[in-house]
Amino acid sequence: MPHMNINGKNLYYEEHGEGFPVIFSHSFLWNTQMWAPQIEALSKNYRCICIDLWNHGQSDILPLHDYSIEQCAKDYWEFSQALGLKEFAFIGLSVGGMIGAHLALNHPEAVKALALVATFVGEEPEKSKDAFDELLQTFSDTGNFSEDLVSDVAPYFFSPKTYQKNPPIVQDFKKALADMPGTSMPGIVDLGRAILIKRQSLLDRLPELSIPTLVMVGSDDLPRPPSESKLMAEKIKSAKLAIIPDAGHICCLEKPERVTQEIAELLRRI
C-alpha cells in the first residue's frame, strides 16, 4: 500500500473500493486496522481511505517538537488535496474525530459528512488532563510499552463487557502495543500531549456545522464519556447522537455491526 509525502515525511494510507471518498482516521495508539470491519462492509459502495497517524502503524516518526491538532489537520488536508479529493466524508475516532472537526469547520466546501466517534473537541477537563499528563510522563520515563504499562493502558479502550465476552480483541491490542518500537515513543508522547493536554476548544464553533453529522460513543467509554458527546450533539443542528450499548472507546471493534450501520446511514445523508 502507498505512502504520501507530506512536508518531507511519509504518511501511510490504504484505499479500498470505489465511489464517493470516505476518509477514516483512527484512535491514539491504534492504526488503520481498527476500522477493518467498517472498511470490509462500506468499501462495497464507497472509496474508503484509511490513514495511519504520524508515529503510528506504518507512517513515519515525527521529530520531537511542539506538534498540535491544528497542524495534524493541515497535514490531512494536504493529503486529501494531493489525492485530488474535491469532496469527501470524514470518519474519525478519538484524535481522528478532533482532526475531522477541524477539517469540516475550516473546509466546509470539501467535507460533506462528518462522524465524531468517541471524541471530544472541547478543552480537556482538568481532572482527566492531570491523569493523562501523568500517564504520558510514564510513557516517557518507561521508553517502551512494558507488560505492566500495557496492562495499565488497555482498560482505557474497552468496555468491561468486552474483557468478558471478546477477550481476543483486548489481547490483540495488548500485543500490538507491546510490539510498538521504542523509537516511536518520543513522538507518541509529543502527539499525546497535543491531543490530551494542549488541545484548544472548538465547542463554540460547532454551531457552524451544517453538514450531516454523526456523534457516536460507547456507553462505557472511559476517557470520553457519553456526556461529552451529548454536549457536542446539542451544539450541531445537523447531528444525530448514537450511544452504543456495552461498548467502550473502540466501539468500532467492540460493536462493529451497529457502528457500521450508523456510518452507512450517515453516508446516505450526503
Foldseek 3Di string as FASTA:
>chain_A
DAWDQFPNWTKDKDKAAADAEEEEEEAQLAAQCLQVLLCVPCNPHHTYMYIGQALGDPTHHDDQDQDALLVSLVRVVVVCVVVVQQAYEYEYAASSLLSQVNCCLVPVRHHQEYEYELYFQAAADPVVLVVLVVLLVVLVVVLACDLVNLVVPLVLFWFPVCVVPPVVVSVVSSVSRRPRDSVSSSSSSSVSCNRHPVRHHPQVVLCVDDHQYEYEYECRADRRHVVRSVSSQVSHPNYDYYYHYRTYRSCCVVPVVVVSVVVVVSVVRD
